[in-house]
Structures are given as structure tokens and as C-alpha cells.
Protein backbone atom coordinates (compact mmCIF):
# COMPACT_ATOMS: atom_id res chain seq x y z
CA MET A 1 59.11 -73.25 6.28
CA ASP A 2 58.78 -69.78 4.81
CA ASP A 3 62.40 -69.07 5.72
CA LEU A 4 63.56 -71.79 3.33
CA GLU A 5 61.45 -70.58 0.45
CA TYR A 6 62.18 -66.86 0.72
CA GLY A 7 65.48 -66.85 2.59
CA PRO A 8 66.13 -66.02 6.21
CA ILE A 9 64.17 -63.25 7.93
CA THR A 10 66.34 -60.26 8.73
CA GLY A 11 66.37 -58.61 12.13
CA ALA A 12 64.66 -55.52 10.70
CA GLU A 13 61.86 -57.61 9.17
CA PHE A 14 61.35 -59.50 12.43
CA ASN A 15 61.31 -56.30 14.48
CA GLY A 16 58.85 -54.64 12.08
CA THR A 17 56.47 -57.60 12.24
CA ASN A 18 56.87 -57.86 15.99
CA GLU A 19 56.17 -54.14 16.48
CA VAL A 20 52.92 -54.44 14.50
CA ALA A 21 51.84 -57.42 16.61
CA ILE A 22 52.65 -55.56 19.83
CA PHE A 23 50.81 -52.43 18.64
CA LEU A 24 47.73 -54.41 17.58
CA GLY A 25 47.70 -56.45 20.77
CA ARG A 26 47.68 -53.31 22.88
CA ILE A 27 45.29 -51.23 20.79
CA ARG A 28 42.79 -54.10 20.36
CA GLU A 29 42.19 -53.90 24.11
CA GLU A 30 41.33 -50.21 23.94
CA PHE A 31 38.25 -50.51 21.72
CA GLU A 32 35.06 -52.44 22.27
CA ALA A 33 34.69 -55.17 19.69
CA ILE A 34 31.28 -55.61 18.12
CA ASP A 35 30.25 -58.77 16.28
CA THR A 36 28.24 -58.92 13.06
CA LEU A 37 24.95 -59.65 14.84
CA GLU A 38 25.39 -56.69 17.19
CA LEU A 39 26.34 -54.43 14.28
CA ALA A 40 23.29 -55.46 12.24
CA HIS A 41 21.07 -54.70 15.25
CA LEU A 42 22.81 -51.37 15.89
CA LEU A 43 22.39 -50.31 12.26
CA GLU A 44 18.68 -51.18 12.36
CA THR A 45 17.92 -49.42 15.64
CA ASN A 46 19.87 -46.21 15.94
CA GLY A 47 21.74 -45.55 12.75
CA ALA A 48 25.31 -46.04 13.88
CA LEU A 49 28.02 -44.46 11.79
CA LEU A 50 29.73 -47.25 9.86
CA ILE A 51 33.20 -46.58 8.47
CA ASP A 52 35.09 -48.82 6.07
CA ALA A 53 38.73 -47.94 6.74
CA ARG A 54 40.07 -49.92 3.76
CA GLU A 55 41.46 -48.33 0.63
CA THR A 56 38.95 -47.22 -2.00
CA ASP A 57 39.80 -49.98 -4.47
CA GLU A 58 38.91 -52.60 -1.84
CA TYR A 59 35.73 -50.75 -0.88
CA VAL A 60 34.54 -50.58 -4.50
CA ARG A 61 34.88 -54.38 -4.88
CA GLY A 62 32.47 -54.85 -1.96
CA HIS A 63 31.57 -53.32 1.38
CA VAL A 64 29.00 -53.47 4.15
CA ALA A 65 25.78 -51.92 2.84
CA GLY A 66 25.65 -48.27 3.84
CA ALA A 67 29.26 -47.98 5.00
CA LEU A 68 31.20 -44.79 4.34
CA ASN A 69 34.61 -45.29 2.82
CA ILE A 70 37.15 -43.27 4.73
CA PRO A 71 40.58 -44.89 4.43
CA ALA A 72 42.53 -44.86 7.68
CA GLY A 73 45.02 -42.39 6.22
CA ALA A 74 42.23 -39.89 5.46
CA ILE A 75 40.22 -40.05 8.69
CA GLU A 76 41.17 -36.53 9.73
CA PHE A 77 39.68 -35.17 6.51
CA GLY A 78 36.74 -37.51 6.07
CA ALA A 79 35.46 -37.43 9.64
CA SER A 80 35.23 -33.66 9.96
CA GLU A 81 31.57 -33.53 8.88
CA LEU A 82 30.41 -36.62 10.79
CA ASP A 83 28.29 -36.68 13.95
CA ARG A 84 30.71 -37.26 16.85
CA GLU A 85 27.87 -38.26 19.19
CA LYS A 86 26.83 -41.31 17.15
CA THR A 87 28.34 -44.70 17.80
CA ALA A 88 31.09 -45.12 15.23
CA VAL A 89 31.90 -48.66 14.09
CA VAL A 90 35.06 -49.10 12.05
CA TYR A 91 36.14 -52.13 10.06
CA GLY A 92 39.02 -53.32 7.90
CA ASN A 93 39.59 -56.51 5.93
CA ASP A 94 39.70 -58.89 8.88
CA GLY A 95 40.18 -59.01 12.64
CA TRP A 96 43.89 -58.17 12.43
CA SER A 97 43.55 -55.27 10.01
CA MET A 98 45.70 -52.46 11.23
CA GLU A 99 43.66 -49.89 9.27
CA ALA A 100 40.56 -50.43 11.43
CA TYR A 101 42.45 -49.85 14.68
CA ALA A 102 44.44 -46.92 13.29
CA ALA A 103 41.17 -45.30 12.13
CA ALA A 104 39.46 -46.01 15.47
CA ASP A 105 42.38 -44.46 17.33
CA LYS A 106 42.22 -41.34 15.16
CA LEU A 107 38.43 -41.05 15.67
CA ARG A 108 38.94 -41.18 19.42
CA THR A 109 41.57 -38.44 19.11
CA LEU A 110 39.01 -36.40 17.13
CA PHE A 111 36.59 -36.63 20.10
CA PHE A 112 34.16 -39.23 18.82
CA SER A 113 32.32 -40.34 21.96
CA ASP A 114 31.80 -44.07 21.22
CA VAL A 115 34.16 -45.87 18.83
CA ARG A 116 33.99 -49.63 18.25
CA VAL A 117 35.67 -52.06 15.87
CA LEU A 118 33.89 -54.83 13.96
CA SER A 119 35.29 -58.13 15.19
CA GLY A 120 36.63 -60.08 12.23
CA GLY A 121 36.18 -57.10 9.90
CA PHE A 122 34.68 -57.33 6.44
CA ALA A 123 35.65 -61.01 6.17
CA ALA A 124 33.42 -61.88 9.16
CA TRP A 125 30.55 -59.81 7.75
CA LYS A 126 30.67 -61.75 4.44
CA ARG A 127 31.24 -65.10 6.16
CA ASN A 128 28.05 -64.57 8.19
CA GLY A 129 25.99 -63.94 5.05
CA ARG A 130 25.33 -60.27 5.73
CA VAL A 131 24.43 -57.77 3.00
CA VAL A 132 27.39 -56.68 0.88
CA GLU A 133 27.20 -54.12 -1.90
CA PRO A 134 29.76 -53.33 -4.60
CA GLY A 135 30.61 -50.00 -6.12
CA LEU A 136 30.90 -46.48 -4.90
CA LYS A 137 27.34 -45.79 -3.75
CA VAL A 138 28.09 -43.57 -0.75
CA ALA A 139 30.46 -40.76 0.10
CA CYS A 140 34.11 -41.60 -0.38
CA VAL A 141 37.17 -39.76 0.82
CA SER A 142 40.42 -40.48 -0.97
CA MET A 143 44.01 -39.39 -0.50
CA GLY A 144 44.53 -39.26 -4.26
CA PRO A 145 44.80 -41.63 -7.23
CA HIS A 146 45.32 -45.35 -6.56
């Protein structure tokens, strides 16, 4: 149906979309998924490192309470001062958010010992009635003006 409304999909558009799906399918298997209940328990018991990999404007509108905002494109800069031995949990907007997996992959490259991704992302956290806070209340790393 979308083809009729917006015109036919070009080969380049199809290949780009297909490449993202292939990348996400493969990389999703490389990181342990953690659900909202497990994350809440982990945050209460051992102070996991929680990273919101979305852009700052999204983070400011609402984020998991206590999450650090380090956009996926700034992980190399923002993660330099973080404890690599703590469990790092990364999330994006939803379960198919490329930013969460890109950030998780970069953290692994930076020698973080235990990197996980929040299943369903921020959308799942909100849907399950978990604590969400707005604003810029914790450290934020930005690549520049948005």
C-alpha cells in the first residue's frame, strides 16, 4: 500500500532498508537482552550502568530514571570515564532501535565486560509503568547543537 501513496521503492531504498534489517538481525543475537523487570532489579541491587543511546532532544523529553545520555554517535567520548567492570545496559526508543545496538557494539569494542540491551527499549519501559523522568538531570554527552 505504501508504494501507491509514495511511489515505487527504488532499488537503493530497498537495499538500504534490507541492510539495516540484516545488520540488526545479526547484532541482536550478539547481546544479551534484558527485560524491564530484570533491569529494575539490576538497578536496585548492584547499580548497573544505564545508558540512553538516543539523541539528547529525545532524552530530555523523558528517560529511564538515572540513565546517562550518551548518544550512540558519542559513545567513544562519553564512555571514557565510566566503569568498564559494571554491567552496562543500553537502550534506544524501542526494540528495533539501531542506536542501542550500535552503542552496545561500541562499548564492547571499548572493553566493557558485560553489555546488555533493554528489550523493547524506552517504549517497553514506559509501557510497563516504570519510572520515567524528564529533563537533563544527569550527565549528558552531545556531539554538538541539535
